[in-house]
Protein backbone atom coordinates (compact mmCIF):
# COMPACT_ATOMS: atom_id res chain seq x y z
CA MET A 1 -19.71 7.45 3.06
CA ASN A 2 -17.68 5.00 5.19
CA ASP A 3 -14.39 3.41 4.20
CA ALA A 4 -15.13 -0.07 2.88
CA LEU A 5 -13.76 -2.99 0.87
CA LEU A 6 -16.11 -5.49 -0.78
CA LYS A 7 -14.93 -8.91 -2.03
CA PHE A 8 -17.06 -10.92 -4.46
CA LEU A 9 -16.93 -13.95 -6.75
CA PHE A 10 -18.56 -14.63 -10.10
CA ASP A 11 -20.74 -17.68 -9.51
CA GLY A 12 -19.51 -20.73 -11.40
CA ALA A 13 -16.47 -18.96 -12.88
CA PRO A 14 -12.83 -18.65 -11.71
CA VAL A 15 -13.07 -14.86 -11.48
CA ARG A 16 -12.97 -12.76 -8.33
CA GLY A 17 -13.36 -9.07 -7.75
CA GLU A 18 -12.85 -6.45 -5.07
CA VAL A 19 -13.85 -2.81 -4.70
CA VAL A 20 -12.34 -0.46 -2.13
CA GLN A 21 -13.21 3.10 -1.24
CA LEU A 22 -11.14 5.15 1.22
CA ARG A 23 -12.23 8.53 2.46
CA GLU A 24 -11.54 9.08 6.15
CA ALA A 25 -8.43 6.89 6.16
CA TRP A 26 -7.02 8.62 3.08
CA GLN A 27 -7.74 12.12 4.37
CA GLN A 28 -6.00 11.26 7.64
CA MET A 29 -2.91 10.15 5.72
CA ILE A 30 -2.55 13.19 3.49
CA ALA A 31 -3.44 15.67 6.25
CA LEU A 32 -0.07 14.81 7.80
CA HIS A 33 1.90 15.88 4.69
CA ASP A 34 1.96 18.65 2.13
CA TYR A 35 2.24 16.57 -1.03
CA PRO A 36 1.82 18.21 -4.44
CA PRO A 37 -1.50 17.03 -5.96
CA PRO A 38 0.10 14.76 -8.62
CA VAL A 39 2.16 13.00 -5.92
CA ALA A 40 -0.87 12.64 -3.64
CA ARG A 41 -2.84 11.14 -6.51
CA LEU A 42 -0.18 8.49 -7.21
CA LEU A 43 0.13 7.66 -3.52
CA GLY A 44 -3.65 7.43 -3.16
CA GLU A 45 -3.90 5.02 -6.07
CA MET A 46 -1.12 2.93 -4.51
CA THR A 47 -2.94 2.92 -1.17
CA ALA A 48 -6.16 1.65 -2.75
CA ALA A 49 -4.20 -0.95 -4.71
CA ALA A 50 -2.35 -2.18 -1.61
CA ALA A 51 -5.63 -2.73 0.22
CA LEU A 52 -7.00 -4.69 -2.74
CA LEU A 53 -3.90 -6.85 -3.15
CA SER A 54 -3.53 -7.54 0.56
CA THR A 55 -6.87 -9.30 0.79
CA THR A 56 -6.08 -11.58 -2.18
CA ILE A 57 -3.11 -13.11 -0.35
CA LYS A 58 -3.42 -15.74 2.38
CA PHE A 59 -0.62 -14.42 4.55
CA ASN A 60 -0.31 -13.39 8.20
CA GLY A 61 1.78 -10.30 7.88
CA ALA A 62 2.16 -6.91 6.27
CA LEU A 63 2.10 -6.25 2.54
CA VAL A 64 4.52 -3.44 1.66
CA PHE A 65 4.11 -1.92 -1.81
CA GLN A 66 7.02 0.26 -2.94
CA ILE A 67 7.88 2.16 -6.08
CA HIS A 68 11.47 3.38 -6.37
CA GLY A 69 11.83 6.22 -8.84
CA ASP A 70 14.52 8.10 -10.74
CA GLY A 71 12.44 11.24 -11.27
CA PRO A 72 11.29 14.01 -8.90
CA VAL A 73 9.77 11.31 -6.67
CA LYS A 74 12.35 8.88 -5.38
CA LEU A 75 10.13 6.64 -3.25
CA LEU A 76 6.45 5.83 -2.70
CA VAL A 77 5.57 3.35 0.07
CA VAL A 78 2.29 1.86 1.30
CA GLU A 79 2.04 -0.69 4.09
CA CYS A 80 -1.11 -2.75 4.67
CA GLN A 81 -1.56 -4.98 7.71
CA PRO A 82 -3.74 -8.15 7.64
CA ASP A 83 -6.59 -6.23 9.34
CA LEU A 84 -6.43 -3.53 6.63
CA ALA A 85 -4.63 -0.97 8.79
CA LEU A 86 -2.92 1.26 6.23
CA ARG A 87 -0.16 3.84 6.21
CA ALA A 88 1.60 5.55 3.29
CA THR A 89 4.40 8.00 2.57
CA ALA A 90 6.22 9.62 -0.35
CA LYS A 91 9.75 10.97 -0.58
CA LEU A 92 10.68 13.67 -3.09
CA ARG A 93 14.17 14.62 -4.16
CA ALA A 94 15.51 17.84 -2.66
CA GLY A 95 14.43 20.80 -4.78
CA ALA A 96 12.33 18.58 -7.06
CA HIS A 97 9.81 20.34 -9.30
CA VAL A 98 6.47 18.57 -9.68
CA PRO A 99 4.57 19.85 -12.74
CA ASP A 100 0.79 20.09 -12.56
CA GLY A 101 -0.78 17.10 -14.23
CA ALA A 102 2.42 15.03 -14.18
CA GLY A 103 1.92 11.27 -14.30
CA LEU A 104 3.80 8.17 -13.24
CA ARG A 105 6.43 8.33 -15.96
CA GLU A 106 7.34 11.98 -15.43
CA LEU A 107 7.38 11.75 -11.65
CA VAL A 108 8.87 8.31 -11.00
CA ASN A 109 10.25 6.76 -14.17
CA ALA A 110 11.76 9.70 -16.00
CA GLY A 111 14.96 7.83 -16.86
CA GLY A 112 13.37 4.40 -17.25
CA HIS A 113 15.06 3.00 -14.12
CA GLY A 114 12.03 2.87 -11.82
CA ARG A 115 11.28 -0.35 -9.93
CA CYS A 116 8.13 -1.86 -8.45
CA ALA A 117 8.50 -4.02 -5.33
CA ILE A 118 6.07 -5.94 -3.15
CA THR A 119 7.28 -7.32 0.17
CA LEU A 120 5.43 -9.79 2.38
CA ASP A 121 6.69 -9.29 5.92
CA PRO A 122 5.51 -12.08 8.29
CA ARG A 123 3.92 -11.01 11.57
CA ASP A 124 5.27 -13.99 13.54
CA PRO A 125 8.24 -15.26 11.53
CA GLN A 126 9.52 -18.76 12.08
CA PRO A 127 13.21 -19.22 12.89
CA GLY A 128 15.19 -18.39 9.78
CA GLN A 129 12.13 -17.09 7.90
CA GLN A 130 12.81 -13.95 5.89
CA PRO A 131 10.37 -11.53 4.27
CA TYR A 132 9.51 -12.40 0.68
CA GLN A 133 10.14 -9.67 -1.85
CA GLY A 134 9.40 -9.50 -5.54
CA VAL A 135 11.00 -6.70 -7.59
CA VAL A 136 10.34 -5.95 -11.26
CA PRO A 137 11.12 -3.02 -13.56
CA LEU A 138 8.47 -0.31 -13.48
CA GLU A 139 6.33 -0.66 -16.59
CA GLY A 140 3.29 1.22 -17.82
CA ALA A 141 1.95 4.76 -17.67
CA SER A 142 -0.08 4.35 -14.46
CA ILE A 143 -0.04 2.63 -11.08
CA ALA A 144 -2.67 0.20 -12.36
CA GLN A 145 -0.58 -0.76 -15.39
CA ALA A 146 2.55 -1.11 -13.27
CA LEU A 147 0.81 -3.52 -10.89
CA GLU A 148 -0.78 -5.51 -13.70
CA SER A 149 2.70 -5.97 -15.15
CA TYR A 150 4.04 -6.99 -11.73
CA MET A 151 1.32 -9.63 -11.32
CA ARG A 152 2.00 -11.06 -14.77
CA ARG A 153 5.75 -11.23 -14.17
CA SER A 154 5.82 -12.29 -10.53
CA GLU A 155 2.57 -14.20 -9.90
CA GLN A 156 1.51 -15.31 -13.41
CA LEU A 157 -2.05 -14.18 -12.67
CA ASP A 158 -4.34 -12.27 -15.01
CA THR A 159 -5.10 -9.15 -12.97
CA ARG A 160 -6.82 -5.92 -13.97
CA LEU A 161 -7.01 -2.78 -11.86
CA TRP A 162 -8.90 0.50 -12.09
CA LEU A 163 -7.68 3.14 -9.61
CA ALA A 164 -8.49 6.75 -8.78
CA ALA A 165 -7.53 9.28 -6.11
CA ASP A 166 -7.90 12.95 -5.29
CA GLY A 167 -7.76 15.10 -2.18
CA ALA A 168 -11.01 13.66 -0.84
CA GLY A 169 -10.63 9.94 -1.43
CA ALA A 170 -8.91 6.96 -3.01
CA ALA A 171 -10.67 4.02 -4.64
CA GLY A 172 -10.09 0.99 -6.80
CA LEU A 173 -11.55 -2.08 -8.48
CA LEU A 174 -9.60 -5.31 -8.91
CA LEU A 175 -10.50 -8.28 -11.10
CA GLN A 176 -8.47 -11.47 -11.06
CA ARG A 177 -8.74 -14.63 -13.12
CA LEU A 178 -7.97 -17.57 -10.88
CA PRO A 179 -6.24 -20.82 -11.77
CA ARG A 180 -8.26 -24.00 -11.42
CA GLU A 181 -6.89 -27.12 -9.78
CA GLY A 182 -3.47 -28.02 -11.10
CA GLY A 183 -2.57 -24.36 -11.62
CA ARG A 184 -4.21 -24.01 -15.03
CA ILE A 185 -6.20 -20.92 -15.88
CA GLY A 186 -9.88 -21.80 -16.05
CA GLU A 187 -11.46 -21.82 -19.50
CA ASP A 188 -15.05 -21.22 -18.38
CA ASP A 189 -17.06 -20.57 -21.52
CA HIS A 190 -13.78 -19.92 -23.34
CA GLY A 191 -13.02 -17.06 -20.95
CA GLU A 192 -16.27 -15.22 -21.67
CA THR A 193 -16.98 -14.39 -18.03
CA TRP A 194 -13.52 -12.90 -17.58
CA GLN A 195 -13.72 -10.86 -20.77
CA ARG A 196 -17.22 -9.63 -19.97
CA ALA A 197 -16.20 -8.62 -16.43
CA VAL A 198 -13.20 -6.68 -17.74
CA THR A 199 -15.21 -5.01 -20.52
CA LEU A 200 -17.85 -3.78 -18.10
CA ALA A 201 -15.26 -2.56 -15.58
CA SER A 202 -13.53 -0.63 -18.35
CA THR A 203 -16.59 1.61 -18.66
CA LEU A 204 -15.83 3.11 -15.21
CA ASP A 205 -14.38 6.57 -14.89
CA SER A 206 -12.51 8.09 -11.95
CA ARG A 207 -15.52 10.09 -10.79
CA GLU A 208 -17.65 6.96 -10.46
CA LEU A 209 -14.94 5.06 -8.61
CA LEU A 210 -14.56 7.86 -6.10
CA SER A 211 -18.21 8.75 -5.58
CA ILE A 212 -20.19 5.48 -5.71
CA GLY A 213 -20.03 3.09 -2.75
CA PRO A 214 -18.66 -0.44 -3.33
CA ASP A 215 -22.02 -2.27 -3.09
CA GLU A 216 -23.78 0.12 -5.45
CA LEU A 217 -20.84 0.15 -7.85
CA VAL A 218 -20.86 -3.64 -8.15
CA ARG A 219 -24.65 -3.67 -8.62
CA ARG A 220 -24.44 -1.13 -11.43
CA LEU A 221 -21.64 -2.95 -13.23
CA TYR A 222 -22.72 -6.55 -12.83
CA TRP A 223 -26.49 -6.50 -12.36
CA GLN A 224 -26.87 -9.25 -14.96
CA GLU A 225 -24.23 -11.51 -13.37
CA ARG A 226 -24.66 -14.02 -10.56
CA LEU A 227 -22.31 -12.90 -7.81
CA ASP A 228 -21.44 -14.22 -4.36
CA ALA A 229 -20.43 -11.62 -1.79
CA VAL A 230 -17.44 -13.00 0.12
CA ALA A 231 -16.68 -10.30 2.69
CA ARG A 232 -17.17 -6.65 3.60
CA LEU A 233 -14.16 -5.21 5.38
CA THR A 234 -13.26 -1.84 6.88
CA PRO A 235 -9.86 -0.33 5.97
CA ARG A 236 -8.44 2.34 8.27
CA PHE A 237 -5.37 4.49 8.83
CA GLN A 238 -3.03 3.35 11.57
CA CYS A 239 0.69 3.89 11.97
CA THR A 240 2.72 1.14 13.60
CA CYS A 241 5.56 3.37 14.74
CA SER A 242 6.27 3.50 18.48
CA ARG A 243 8.91 4.73 20.90
CA ALA A 244 9.84 1.16 21.78
CA ARG A 245 10.28 0.24 18.11
CA ILE A 246 12.48 3.29 17.52
CA GLY A 247 14.47 2.32 20.62
CA ARG A 248 15.16 -1.12 19.17
CA MET A 249 16.34 0.53 15.96
CA LEU A 250 18.75 2.73 17.94
CA VAL A 251 20.12 -0.31 19.78
CA SER A 252 20.81 -1.93 16.40
CA LEU A 253 22.94 1.11 15.46
CA GLY A 254 25.24 0.54 18.42
CA ARG A 255 26.06 2.52 21.55
CA GLU A 256 29.05 4.36 20.11
CA GLU A 257 27.13 5.81 17.15
CA VAL A 258 24.10 6.80 19.23
CA ASP A 259 26.30 8.42 21.92
CA SER A 260 28.09 10.44 19.23
CA ILE A 261 24.76 11.85 18.01
CA VAL A 262 23.74 12.77 21.55
CA ALA A 263 27.13 14.43 22.16
CA GLU A 264 26.73 16.54 19.02
CA LEU A 265 23.02 17.38 19.16
CA GLY A 266 22.06 16.84 22.79
CA SER A 267 19.53 14.13 21.92
CA VAL A 268 18.44 11.75 19.17
CA THR A 269 15.16 12.72 17.51
CA VAL A 270 13.47 10.41 15.02
CA THR A 271 10.40 11.60 13.08
CA CYS A 272 8.15 8.96 11.56
CA ASP A 273 7.86 9.36 7.79
CA PHE A 274 4.29 8.04 7.87
CA CYS A 275 2.58 9.90 10.73
CA ASN A 276 5.10 12.67 11.61
CA ALA A 277 5.28 11.53 15.26
CA ARG A 278 8.53 12.67 16.92
CA HIS A 279 10.42 10.32 19.23
CA GLU A 280 13.20 11.99 21.24
CA PHE A 281 15.88 10.23 23.30
CA ASP A 282 18.21 12.25 25.57
CA ALA A 283 21.37 11.00 27.26
CA VAL A 284 19.44 9.48 30.19
CA ASP A 285 17.05 7.67 27.80
CA VAL A 286 19.97 6.33 25.77
CA GLY A 287 21.78 5.09 28.87
CA GLN A 288 18.72 3.21 30.08
CA LEU A 289 17.97 1.93 26.58
CA PHE A 290 21.36 0.24 26.26
CA SER A 291 21.38 -1.06 29.83
CA THR A 292 17.82 -2.44 30.03
CA GLY A 293 16.54 -2.44 26.45
CA SER A 294 13.83 0.12 27.21
CA THR A 295 13.22 3.65 28.52
CA ASP A 296 10.67 4.83 31.05
CA MET A 297 8.41 6.15 28.30
CA GLY A 298 9.21 3.29 25.94
CA ALA A 299 8.14 0.47 28.23
CA GLN A 300 4.69 0.62 26.68
CA ASP A 301 4.78 -0.03 22.95
CA SER A 302 1.87 2.31 22.24
CA LEU A 303 0.82 3.04 18.69
CA HIS A 304 0.58 6.53 17.22
């Protein structure tokens, strides 16, 4: 079963939906890390959710979905590019114990100080343009509930999400009630289409989300509805780290600090949190980096 994202509209009603299923992309992401199963499940649900949210936004840039935690997991991050290139990572506290079956609250919001953030980072920013970021307190007992709360607080949009993930795949369904002209929520049939769509989606279980392809899933749920397919897209795993990008980061630290690291350790080695690629700079690399802005190997900004 191929990785896929299906977008659709309910004909004649201000309601849109999306279904995503990730298998190969998700397996590539978790193969690079040894996450405990409960952490992998949360990160998988976030990855599916990021893909769904990214395609609802008309924006030429990356969507970065972050959850900052005060429990065993201190950070979960998913980045989705406009072409649905995805990467994800999780950071645990040193010595953290992750109980089997632990959920969002136990892992991320144990003290009630967790935060949910979505950043829109423009690909080609205009002069003076800064990334947009919305941050809200982490609410709810699941990733889906946390994002629904975020959308209510930050975007004032009725949004419902159903998410699932395991070691083999990650999947999700999104429904969104759209405003009509003037910004008012549509009252089609007193909201009957929206309520019916949500009620039917609520019959899904995790097994169905993970095992049934997007087209078949939509047919099974909404066979009595008139739907318009908008797009079929292909998500994939791709890390945007590169030697040249790491070099620019080192230049931003300043020559004195970088030279001190080389003097102490013999080189500067940076390992990407997303794909585990190692980028090493010795004294010769550092000298060339600060004199020309590049190194021999960094002249090509190749992706890993």
